[in-house]
Full PDB file with SEQRES, HELIX, SHEET, SSBOND, CRYST1, ORIGX, SCALE, CONECT and MASTER records, all heavy atoms in Angstrom:
SEQRES   1 A   35  SER GLY GLY GLY LEU VAL GLN PRO GLY GLY SER LEU ARG          
SEQRES   2 A   35  LEU SER CYS ALA ALA SER GLY PHE THR PHE SER SER TYR          
SEQRES   3 A   35  VAL MET ASN TRP TYR ARG GLN ALA PRO                          
HELIX    1 AA1 PHE A   23  SER A   25  5                                   3    
CRYST1    1.000    1.000    1.000  90.00  90.00  90.00 P 1           1          
ORIGX1      1.000000  0.000000  0.000000        0.00000                         
ORIGX2      0.000000  1.000000  0.000000        0.00000                         
ORIGX3      0.000000  0.000000  1.000000        0.00000                         
SCALE1      1.000000  0.000000  0.000000        0.00000                         
SCALE2      0.000000  1.000000  0.000000        0.00000                         
SCALE3      0.000000  0.000000  1.000000        0.00000                         
ATOM      1  N   SER A   1     -17.832  -3.570   5.818  1.00  0.00           N  
ATOM      2  CA  SER A   1     -17.265  -3.384   7.152  1.00  0.00           C  
ATOM      3  C   SER A   1     -15.867  -3.966   7.181  1.00  0.00           C  
ATOM      4  O   SER A   1     -15.464  -4.686   6.261  1.00  0.00           O  
ATOM      5  CB  SER A   1     -18.149  -4.040   8.212  1.00  0.00           C  
ATOM      6  OG  SER A   1     -18.230  -5.429   7.999  1.00  0.00           O  
ATOM      7  N   GLY A   2     -15.136  -3.659   8.252  1.00  0.00           N  
ATOM      8  CA  GLY A   2     -13.822  -4.250   8.437  1.00  0.00           C  
ATOM      9  C   GLY A   2     -12.655  -3.345   8.134  1.00  0.00           C  
ATOM     10  O   GLY A   2     -11.499  -3.727   8.325  1.00  0.00           O  
ATOM     11  N   GLY A   3     -12.922  -2.147   7.652  1.00  0.00           N  
ATOM     12  CA  GLY A   3     -11.828  -1.225   7.366  1.00  0.00           C  
ATOM     13  C   GLY A   3     -11.235  -0.660   8.639  1.00  0.00           C  
ATOM     14  O   GLY A   3     -11.712  -0.913   9.752  1.00  0.00           O  
ATOM     15  N   GLY A   4     -10.174   0.113   8.468  1.00  0.00           N  
ATOM     16  CA  GLY A   4      -9.539   0.729   9.617  1.00  0.00           C  
ATOM     17  C   GLY A   4      -8.141   1.192   9.292  1.00  0.00           C  
ATOM     18  O   GLY A   4      -7.733   1.230   8.126  1.00  0.00           O  
ATOM     19  N   LEU A   5      -7.406   1.539  10.346  1.00  0.00           N  
ATOM     20  CA  LEU A   5      -6.021   1.977  10.225  1.00  0.00           C  
ATOM     21  C   LEU A   5      -5.106   0.789  10.521  1.00  0.00           C  
ATOM     22  O   LEU A   5      -5.262   0.130  11.561  1.00  0.00           O  
ATOM     23  CB  LEU A   5      -5.752   3.115  11.209  1.00  0.00           C  
ATOM     24  CG  LEU A   5      -4.310   3.593  11.332  1.00  0.00           C  
ATOM     25  CD1 LEU A   5      -3.826   4.188  10.008  1.00  0.00           C  
ATOM     26  CD2 LEU A   5      -4.189   4.618  12.461  1.00  0.00           C  
ATOM     27  N   VAL A   6      -4.165   0.547   9.636  1.00  0.00           N  
ATOM     28  CA  VAL A   6      -3.251  -0.583   9.804  1.00  0.00           C  
ATOM     29  C   VAL A   6      -1.858  -0.157   9.360  1.00  0.00           C  
ATOM     30  O   VAL A   6      -1.714   0.697   8.471  1.00  0.00           O  
ATOM     31  CB  VAL A   6      -3.752  -1.809   9.001  1.00  0.00           C  
ATOM     32  CG1 VAL A   6      -3.788  -1.520   7.517  1.00  0.00           C  
ATOM     33  CG2 VAL A   6      -2.946  -3.051   9.308  1.00  0.00           C  
ATOM     34  N   GLN A   7      -0.853  -0.728   9.980  1.00  0.00           N  
ATOM     35  CA  GLN A   7       0.529  -0.412   9.612  1.00  0.00           C  
ATOM     36  C   GLN A   7       0.915  -1.152   8.334  1.00  0.00           C  
ATOM     37  O   GLN A   7       0.342  -2.213   8.022  1.00  0.00           O  
ATOM     38  CB  GLN A   7       1.471  -0.801  10.737  1.00  0.00           C  
ATOM     39  CG  GLN A   7       1.318   0.046  11.989  1.00  0.00           C  
ATOM     40  CD  GLN A   7       2.382  -0.263  13.032  1.00  0.00           C  
ATOM     41  OE1 GLN A   7       3.043  -1.293  12.979  1.00  0.00           O  
ATOM     42  NE2 GLN A   7       2.557   0.650  13.976  1.00  0.00           N  
ATOM     43  N   PRO A   8       1.866  -0.617   7.595  1.00  0.00           N  
ATOM     44  CA  PRO A   8       2.364  -1.341   6.415  1.00  0.00           C  
ATOM     45  C   PRO A   8       2.787  -2.759   6.792  1.00  0.00           C  
ATOM     46  O   PRO A   8       3.406  -2.974   7.837  1.00  0.00           O  
ATOM     47  CB  PRO A   8       3.565  -0.497   5.972  1.00  0.00           C  
ATOM     48  CG  PRO A   8       3.221   0.889   6.437  1.00  0.00           C  
ATOM     49  CD  PRO A   8       2.507   0.699   7.739  1.00  0.00           C  
ATOM     50  N   GLY A   9       2.415  -3.708   5.934  1.00  0.00           N  
ATOM     51  CA  GLY A   9       2.689  -5.111   6.209  1.00  0.00           C  
ATOM     52  C   GLY A   9       1.584  -5.823   6.964  1.00  0.00           C  
ATOM     53  O   GLY A   9       1.615  -7.052   7.100  1.00  0.00           O  
ATOM     54  N   GLY A  10       0.626  -5.073   7.440  1.00  0.00           N  
ATOM     55  CA  GLY A  10      -0.475  -5.650   8.201  1.00  0.00           C  
ATOM     56  C   GLY A  10      -1.558  -6.237   7.309  1.00  0.00           C  
ATOM     57  O   GLY A  10      -1.449  -6.233   6.077  1.00  0.00           O  
ATOM     58  N   SER A  11      -2.590  -6.734   7.960  1.00  0.00           N  
ATOM     59  CA  SER A  11      -3.693  -7.395   7.263  1.00  0.00           C  
ATOM     60  C   SER A  11      -5.032  -6.861   7.741  1.00  0.00           C  
ATOM     61  O   SER A  11      -5.168  -6.419   8.886  1.00  0.00           O  
ATOM     62  CB  SER A  11      -3.653  -8.906   7.516  1.00  0.00           C  
ATOM     63  OG  SER A  11      -2.479  -9.484   7.000  1.00  0.00           O  
ATOM     64  N   LEU A  12      -5.985  -6.922   6.849  1.00  0.00           N  
ATOM     65  CA  LEU A  12      -7.384  -6.628   7.170  1.00  0.00           C  
ATOM     66  C   LEU A  12      -8.265  -7.571   6.370  1.00  0.00           C  
ATOM     67  O   LEU A  12      -7.891  -8.002   5.271  1.00  0.00           O  
ATOM     68  CB  LEU A  12      -7.760  -5.183   6.811  1.00  0.00           C  
ATOM     69  CG  LEU A  12      -7.289  -4.047   7.721  1.00  0.00           C  
ATOM     70  CD1 LEU A  12      -7.638  -2.702   7.099  1.00  0.00           C  
ATOM     71  CD2 LEU A  12      -7.887  -4.159   9.112  1.00  0.00           C  
ATOM     72  N   ARG A  13      -9.429  -7.845   6.914  1.00  0.00           N  
ATOM     73  CA  ARG A  13     -10.438  -8.617   6.186  1.00  0.00           C  
ATOM     74  C   ARG A  13     -11.702  -7.776   6.093  1.00  0.00           C  
ATOM     75  O   ARG A  13     -12.317  -7.462   7.108  1.00  0.00           O  
ATOM     76  CB  ARG A  13     -10.746  -9.921   6.892  1.00  0.00           C  
ATOM     77  CG  ARG A  13     -11.630 -10.867   6.076  1.00  0.00           C  
ATOM     78  CD  ARG A  13     -12.164 -11.965   6.945  1.00  0.00           C  
ATOM     79  NE  ARG A  13     -12.703 -13.073   6.162  1.00  0.00           N  
ATOM     80  CZ  ARG A  13     -13.594 -13.952   6.648  1.00  0.00           C  
ATOM     81  NH1 ARG A  13     -13.998 -13.859   7.906  1.00  0.00           N  
ATOM     82  NH2 ARG A  13     -14.040 -14.933   5.877  1.00  0.00           N  
ATOM     83  N   LEU A  14     -12.057  -7.424   4.879  1.00  0.00           N  
ATOM     84  CA  LEU A  14     -13.283  -6.679   4.646  1.00  0.00           C  
ATOM     85  C   LEU A  14     -14.436  -7.642   4.396  1.00  0.00           C  
ATOM     86  O   LEU A  14     -14.264  -8.702   3.801  1.00  0.00           O  
ATOM     87  CB  LEU A  14     -13.128  -5.754   3.442  1.00  0.00           C  
ATOM     88  CG  LEU A  14     -11.945  -4.789   3.465  1.00  0.00           C  
ATOM     89  CD1 LEU A  14     -11.991  -3.885   2.242  1.00  0.00           C  
ATOM     90  CD2 LEU A  14     -11.920  -3.979   4.746  1.00  0.00           C  
ATOM     91  N   SER A  15     -15.612  -7.225   4.851  1.00  0.00           N  
ATOM     92  CA  SER A  15     -16.833  -7.995   4.614  1.00  0.00           C  
ATOM     93  C   SER A  15     -17.860  -7.101   3.939  1.00  0.00           C  
ATOM     94  O   SER A  15     -17.877  -5.885   4.145  1.00  0.00           O  
ATOM     95  CB  SER A  15     -17.409  -8.508   5.928  1.00  0.00           C  
ATOM     96  OG  SER A  15     -16.514  -9.369   6.593  1.00  0.00           O  
ATOM     97  N   CYS A  16     -18.709  -7.725   3.154  1.00  0.00           N  
ATOM     98  CA  CYS A  16     -19.810  -7.010   2.520  1.00  0.00           C  
ATOM     99  C   CYS A  16     -21.056  -7.868   2.668  1.00  0.00           C  
ATOM    100  O   CYS A  16     -21.150  -8.947   2.050  1.00  0.00           O  
ATOM    101  CB  CYS A  16     -19.510  -6.739   1.060  1.00  0.00           C  
ATOM    102  SG  CYS A  16     -20.906  -6.093   0.117  1.00  0.00           S  
ATOM    103  N   ALA A  17     -21.987  -7.402   3.482  1.00  0.00           N  
ATOM    104  CA  ALA A  17     -23.238  -8.120   3.712  1.00  0.00           C  
ATOM    105  C   ALA A  17     -24.277  -7.625   2.714  1.00  0.00           C  
ATOM    106  O   ALA A  17     -24.523  -6.420   2.616  1.00  0.00           O  
ATOM    107  CB  ALA A  17     -23.709  -7.901   5.139  1.00  0.00           C  
ATOM    108  N   ALA A  18     -24.862  -8.568   2.001  1.00  0.00           N  
ATOM    109  CA  ALA A  18     -25.812  -8.229   0.940  1.00  0.00           C  
ATOM    110  C   ALA A  18     -27.223  -8.641   1.314  1.00  0.00           C  
ATOM    111  O   ALA A  18     -27.427  -9.655   2.001  1.00  0.00           O  
ATOM    112  CB  ALA A  18     -25.406  -8.922  -0.354  1.00  0.00           C  
ATOM    113  N   SER A  19     -28.188  -7.876   0.852  1.00  0.00           N  
ATOM    114  CA  SER A  19     -29.590  -8.218   1.059  1.00  0.00           C  
ATOM    115  C   SER A  19     -30.432  -7.573  -0.041  1.00  0.00           C  
ATOM    116  O   SER A  19     -29.978  -6.654  -0.730  1.00  0.00           O  
ATOM    117  CB  SER A  19     -30.062  -7.762   2.441  1.00  0.00           C  
ATOM    118  OG  SER A  19     -29.945  -6.364   2.568  1.00  0.00           O  
ATOM    119  N   GLY A  20     -31.646  -8.092  -0.183  1.00  0.00           N  
ATOM    120  CA  GLY A  20     -32.576  -7.489  -1.134  1.00  0.00           C  
ATOM    121  C   GLY A  20     -32.483  -8.026  -2.547  1.00  0.00           C  
ATOM    122  O   GLY A  20     -33.169  -7.525  -3.443  1.00  0.00           O  
ATOM    123  N   PHE A  21     -31.641  -9.024  -2.752  1.00  0.00           N  
ATOM    124  CA  PHE A  21     -31.530  -9.653  -4.065  1.00  0.00           C  
ATOM    125  C   PHE A  21     -30.991 -11.073  -3.867  1.00  0.00           C  
ATOM    126  O   PHE A  21     -30.550 -11.436  -2.773  1.00  0.00           O  
ATOM    127  CB  PHE A  21     -30.627  -8.849  -4.998  1.00  0.00           C  
ATOM    128  CG  PHE A  21     -29.182  -8.758  -4.564  1.00  0.00           C  
ATOM    129  CD1 PHE A  21     -28.206  -9.515  -5.180  1.00  0.00           C  
ATOM    130  CD2 PHE A  21     -28.803  -7.904  -3.539  1.00  0.00           C  
ATOM    131  CE1 PHE A  21     -26.878  -9.437  -4.786  1.00  0.00           C  
ATOM    132  CE2 PHE A  21     -27.484  -7.810  -3.132  1.00  0.00           C  
ATOM    133  CZ  PHE A  21     -26.512  -8.580  -3.755  1.00  0.00           C  
ATOM    134  N   THR A  22     -31.031 -11.856  -4.921  1.00  0.00           N  
ATOM    135  CA  THR A  22     -30.565 -13.241  -4.841  1.00  0.00           C  
ATOM    136  C   THR A  22     -29.052 -13.252  -4.990  1.00  0.00           C  
ATOM    137  O   THR A  22     -28.503 -13.364  -6.086  1.00  0.00           O  
ATOM    138  CB  THR A  22     -31.237 -14.105  -5.923  1.00  0.00           C  
ATOM    139  OG1 THR A  22     -32.649 -13.957  -5.829  1.00  0.00           O  
ATOM    140  CG2 THR A  22     -30.861 -15.576  -5.724  1.00  0.00           C  
ATOM    141  N   PHE A  23     -28.380 -13.141  -3.864  1.00  0.00           N  
ATOM    142  CA  PHE A  23     -26.929 -12.962  -3.822  1.00  0.00           C  
ATOM    143  C   PHE A  23     -26.190 -14.027  -4.625  1.00  0.00           C  
ATOM    144  O   PHE A  23     -25.259 -13.724  -5.373  1.00  0.00           O  
ATOM    145  CB  PHE A  23     -26.477 -12.992  -2.358  1.00  0.00           C  
ATOM    146  CG  PHE A  23     -24.995 -12.884  -2.154  1.00  0.00           C  
ATOM    147  CD1 PHE A  23     -24.355 -11.665  -2.263  1.00  0.00           C  
ATOM    148  CD2 PHE A  23     -24.247 -14.014  -1.819  1.00  0.00           C  
ATOM    149  CE1 PHE A  23     -22.988 -11.565  -2.056  1.00  0.00           C  
ATOM    150  CE2 PHE A  23     -22.892 -13.924  -1.604  1.00  0.00           C  
ATOM    151  CZ  PHE A  23     -22.251 -12.690  -1.720  1.00  0.00           C  
ATOM    152  N   SER A  24     -26.605 -15.265  -4.488  1.00  0.00           N  
ATOM    153  CA  SER A  24     -25.871 -16.370  -5.118  1.00  0.00           C  
ATOM    154  C   SER A  24     -25.948 -16.351  -6.639  1.00  0.00           C  
ATOM    155  O   SER A  24     -25.234 -17.105  -7.309  1.00  0.00           O  
ATOM    156  CB  SER A  24     -26.392 -17.710  -4.587  1.00  0.00           C  
ATOM    157  OG  SER A  24     -27.778 -17.826  -4.871  1.00  0.00           O  
ATOM    158  N   SER A  25     -26.788 -15.498  -7.194  1.00  0.00           N  
ATOM    159  CA  SER A  25     -26.958 -15.450  -8.650  1.00  0.00           C  
ATOM    160  C   SER A  25     -26.045 -14.447  -9.336  1.00  0.00           C  
ATOM    161  O   SER A  25     -26.026 -14.366 -10.558  1.00  0.00           O  
ATOM    162  CB  SER A  25     -28.415 -15.103  -8.999  1.00  0.00           C  
ATOM    163  OG  SER A  25     -29.297 -16.122  -8.581  1.00  0.00           O  
ATOM    164  N   TYR A  26     -25.280 -13.695  -8.544  1.00  0.00           N  
ATOM    165  CA  TYR A  26     -24.533 -12.588  -9.132  1.00  0.00           C  
ATOM    166  C   TYR A  26     -23.037 -12.690  -8.893  1.00  0.00           C  
ATOM    167  O   TYR A  26     -22.574 -13.061  -7.806  1.00  0.00           O  
ATOM    168  CB  TYR A  26     -25.028 -11.260  -8.570  1.00  0.00           C  
ATOM    169  CG  TYR A  26     -26.402 -10.899  -9.069  1.00  0.00           C  
ATOM    170  CD1 TYR A  26     -27.531 -11.276  -8.348  1.00  0.00           C  
ATOM    171  CD2 TYR A  26     -26.569 -10.214 -10.269  1.00  0.00           C  
ATOM    172  CE1 TYR A  26     -28.790 -10.973  -8.816  1.00  0.00           C  
ATOM    173  CE2 TYR A  26     -27.828  -9.907 -10.741  1.00  0.00           C  
ATOM    174  CZ  TYR A  26     -28.937 -10.291 -10.010  1.00  0.00           C  
ATOM    175  OH  TYR A  26     -30.190  -9.989 -10.475  1.00  0.00           O  
ATOM    176  N   VAL A  27     -22.298 -12.313  -9.926  1.00  0.00           N  
ATOM    177  CA  VAL A  27     -20.883 -12.041  -9.790  1.00  0.00           C  
ATOM    178  C   VAL A  27     -20.731 -10.832  -8.876  1.00  0.00           C  
ATOM    179  O   VAL A  27     -21.480  -9.860  -8.990  1.00  0.00           O  
ATOM    180  CB  VAL A  27     -20.260 -11.762 -11.170  1.00  0.00           C  
ATOM    181  CG1 VAL A  27     -18.846 -11.227 -11.036  1.00  0.00           C  
ATOM    182  CG2 VAL A  27     -20.309 -12.997 -12.056  1.00  0.00           C  
ATOM    183  N   MET A  28     -19.776 -10.903  -7.968  1.00  0.00           N  
ATOM    184  CA  MET A  28     -19.558  -9.808  -7.021  1.00  0.00           C  
ATOM    185  C   MET A  28     -18.157  -9.232  -7.195  1.00  0.00           C  
ATOM    186  O   MET A  28     -17.219  -9.941  -7.560  1.00  0.00           O  
ATOM    187  CB  MET A  28     -19.744 -10.296  -5.585  1.00  0.00           C  
ATOM    188  CG  MET A  28     -21.159 -10.737  -5.249  1.00  0.00           C  
ATOM    189  SD  MET A  28     -22.376  -9.420  -5.382  1.00  0.00           S  
ATOM    190  CE  MET A  28     -21.828  -8.279  -4.112  1.00  0.00           C  
ATOM    191  N   ASN A  29     -18.048  -7.954  -6.896  1.00  0.00           N  
ATOM    192  CA  ASN A  29     -16.799  -7.228  -7.097  1.00  0.00           C  
ATOM    193  C   ASN A  29     -16.404  -6.440  -5.853  1.00  0.00           C  
ATOM    194  O   ASN A  29     -17.271  -6.002  -5.097  1.00  0.00           O  
ATOM    195  CB  ASN A  29     -16.949  -6.225  -8.241  1.00  0.00           C  
ATOM    196  CG  ASN A  29     -17.472  -6.841  -9.509  1.00  0.00           C  
ATOM    197  OD1 ASN A  29     -16.802  -7.649 -10.147  1.00  0.00           O  
ATOM    198  ND2 ASN A  29     -18.689  -6.483  -9.888  1.00  0.00           N  
ATOM    199  N   TRP A  30     -15.130  -6.253  -5.701  1.00  0.00           N  
ATOM    200  CA  TRP A  30     -14.583  -5.261  -4.770  1.00  0.00           C  
ATOM    201  C   TRP A  30     -13.880  -4.193  -5.612  1.00  0.00           C  
ATOM    202  O   TRP A  30     -13.126  -4.515  -6.554  1.00  0.00           O  
ATOM    203  CB  TRP A  30     -13.591  -5.875  -3.801  1.00  0.00           C  
ATOM    204  CG  TRP A  30     -14.216  -6.582  -2.653  1.00  0.00           C  
ATOM    205  CD1 TRP A  30     -14.400  -7.922  -2.511  1.00  0.00           C  
ATOM    206  CD2 TRP A  30     -14.743  -5.985  -1.456  1.00  0.00           C  
ATOM    207  NE1 TRP A  30     -15.008  -8.202  -1.318  1.00  0.00           N  
ATOM    208  CE2 TRP A  30     -15.232  -7.032  -0.642  1.00  0.00           C  
ATOM    209  CE3 TRP A  30     -14.852  -4.673  -0.988  1.00  0.00           C  
ATOM    210  CZ2 TRP A  30     -15.799  -6.815   0.611  1.00  0.00           C  
ATOM    211  CZ3 TRP A  30     -15.425  -4.457   0.248  1.00  0.00           C  
ATOM    212  CH2 TRP A  30     -15.894  -5.513   1.029  1.00  0.00           C  
ATOM    213  N   TYR A  31     -14.139  -2.950  -5.238  1.00  0.00           N  
ATOM    214  CA  TYR A  31     -13.520  -1.801  -5.867  1.00  0.00           C  
ATOM    215  C   TYR A  31     -12.841  -0.968  -4.784  1.00  0.00           C  
ATOM    216  O   TYR A  31     -13.110  -1.140  -3.596  1.00  0.00           O  
ATOM    217  CB  TYR A  31     -14.571  -0.913  -6.542  1.00  0.00           C  
ATOM    218  CG  TYR A  31     -15.397  -1.572  -7.601  1.00  0.00           C  
ATOM    219  CD1 TYR A  31     -16.514  -2.331  -7.271  1.00  0.00           C  
ATOM    220  CD2 TYR A  31     -15.094  -1.409  -8.947  1.00  0.00           C  
ATOM    221  CE1 TYR A  31     -17.290  -2.922  -8.254  1.00  0.00           C  
ATOM    222  CE2 TYR A  31     -15.873  -1.990  -9.943  1.00  0.00           C  
ATOM    223  CZ  TYR A  31     -16.962  -2.748  -9.577  1.00  0.00           C  
ATOM    224  OH  TYR A  31     -17.735  -3.334 -10.553  1.00  0.00           O  
ATOM    225  N   ARG A  32     -12.017  -0.035  -5.209  1.00  0.00           N  
ATOM    226  CA  ARG A  32     -11.472   0.940  -4.280  1.00  0.00           C  
ATOM    227  C   ARG A  32     -11.297   2.276  -4.988  1.00  0.00           C  
ATOM    228  O   ARG A  32     -11.135   2.331  -6.213  1.00  0.00           O  
ATOM    229  CB  ARG A  32     -10.154   0.474  -3.680  1.00  0.00           C  
ATOM    230  CG  ARG A  32      -8.994   0.381  -4.655  1.00  0.00           C  
ATOM    231  CD  ARG A  32      -7.776  -0.211  -3.965  1.00  0.00           C  
ATOM    232  NE  ARG A  32      -6.618  -0.320  -4.862  1.00  0.00           N  
ATOM    233  CZ  ARG A  32      -5.481  -0.902  -4.535  1.00  0.00           C  
ATOM    234  NH1 ARG A  32      -5.319  -1.437  -3.325  1.00  0.00           N  
ATOM    235  NH2 ARG A  32      -4.485  -0.955  -5.403  1.00  0.00           N  
ATOM    236  N   GLN A  33     -11.325   3.313  -4.184  1.00  0.00           N  
ATOM    237  CA  GLN A  33     -11.120   4.660  -4.703  1.00  0.00           C  
ATOM    238  C   GLN A  33     -10.247   5.438  -3.739  1.00  0.00           C  
ATOM    239  O   GLN A  33     -10.638   5.672  -2.590  1.00  0.00           O  
ATOM    240  CB  GLN A  33     -12.445   5.378  -4.927  1.00  0.00           C  
ATOM    241  CG  GLN A  33     -12.299   6.700  -5.646  1.00  0.00           C  
ATOM    242  CD  GLN A  33     -13.616   7.228  -6.150  1.00  0.00           C  
ATOM    243  OE1 GLN A  33     -14.687   6.828  -5.705  1.00  0.00           O  
ATOM    244  NE2 GLN A  33     -13.559   8.148  -7.113  1.00  0.00           N  
ATOM    245  N   ALA A  34      -9.078   5.781  -4.216  1.00  0.00           N  
ATOM    246  CA  ALA A  34      -8.153   6.590  -3.432  1.00  0.00           C  
ATOM    247  C   ALA A  34      -8.447   8.067  -3.685  1.00  0.00           C  
ATOM    248  O   ALA A  34      -9.013   8.425  -4.724  1.00  0.00           O  
ATOM    249  CB  ALA A  34      -6.723   6.255  -3.823  1.00  0.00           C  
ATOM    250  N   PRO A  35      -8.053   8.933  -2.755  1.00  0.00           N  
ATOM    251  CA  PRO A  35      -8.297  10.369  -2.933  1.00  0.00           C  
ATOM    252  C   PRO A  35      -7.726  10.878  -4.248  1.00  0.00           C  
ATOM    253  O   PRO A  35      -6.570  10.610  -4.580  1.00  0.00           O  
ATOM    254  CB  PRO A  35      -7.575  10.996  -1.736  1.00  0.00           C  
ATOM    255  CG  PRO A  35      -7.563   9.922  -0.704  1.00  0.00           C  
ATOM    256  CD  PRO A  35      -7.412   8.640  -1.468  1.00  0.00           C  
TER     257      PRO A  35                                                      
MASTER        0    0    0    1    0    0    0    6  256    1    0    3          
END                                                                             
């Protein structure tokens, strides 16, 4: 969550809520895919 439309120079904070596994045991990643 946390995405949206922002002007150049602006800021956003993305969040990723995890469940169903032991979150603290895993390395976590952020990825992106442009068109």
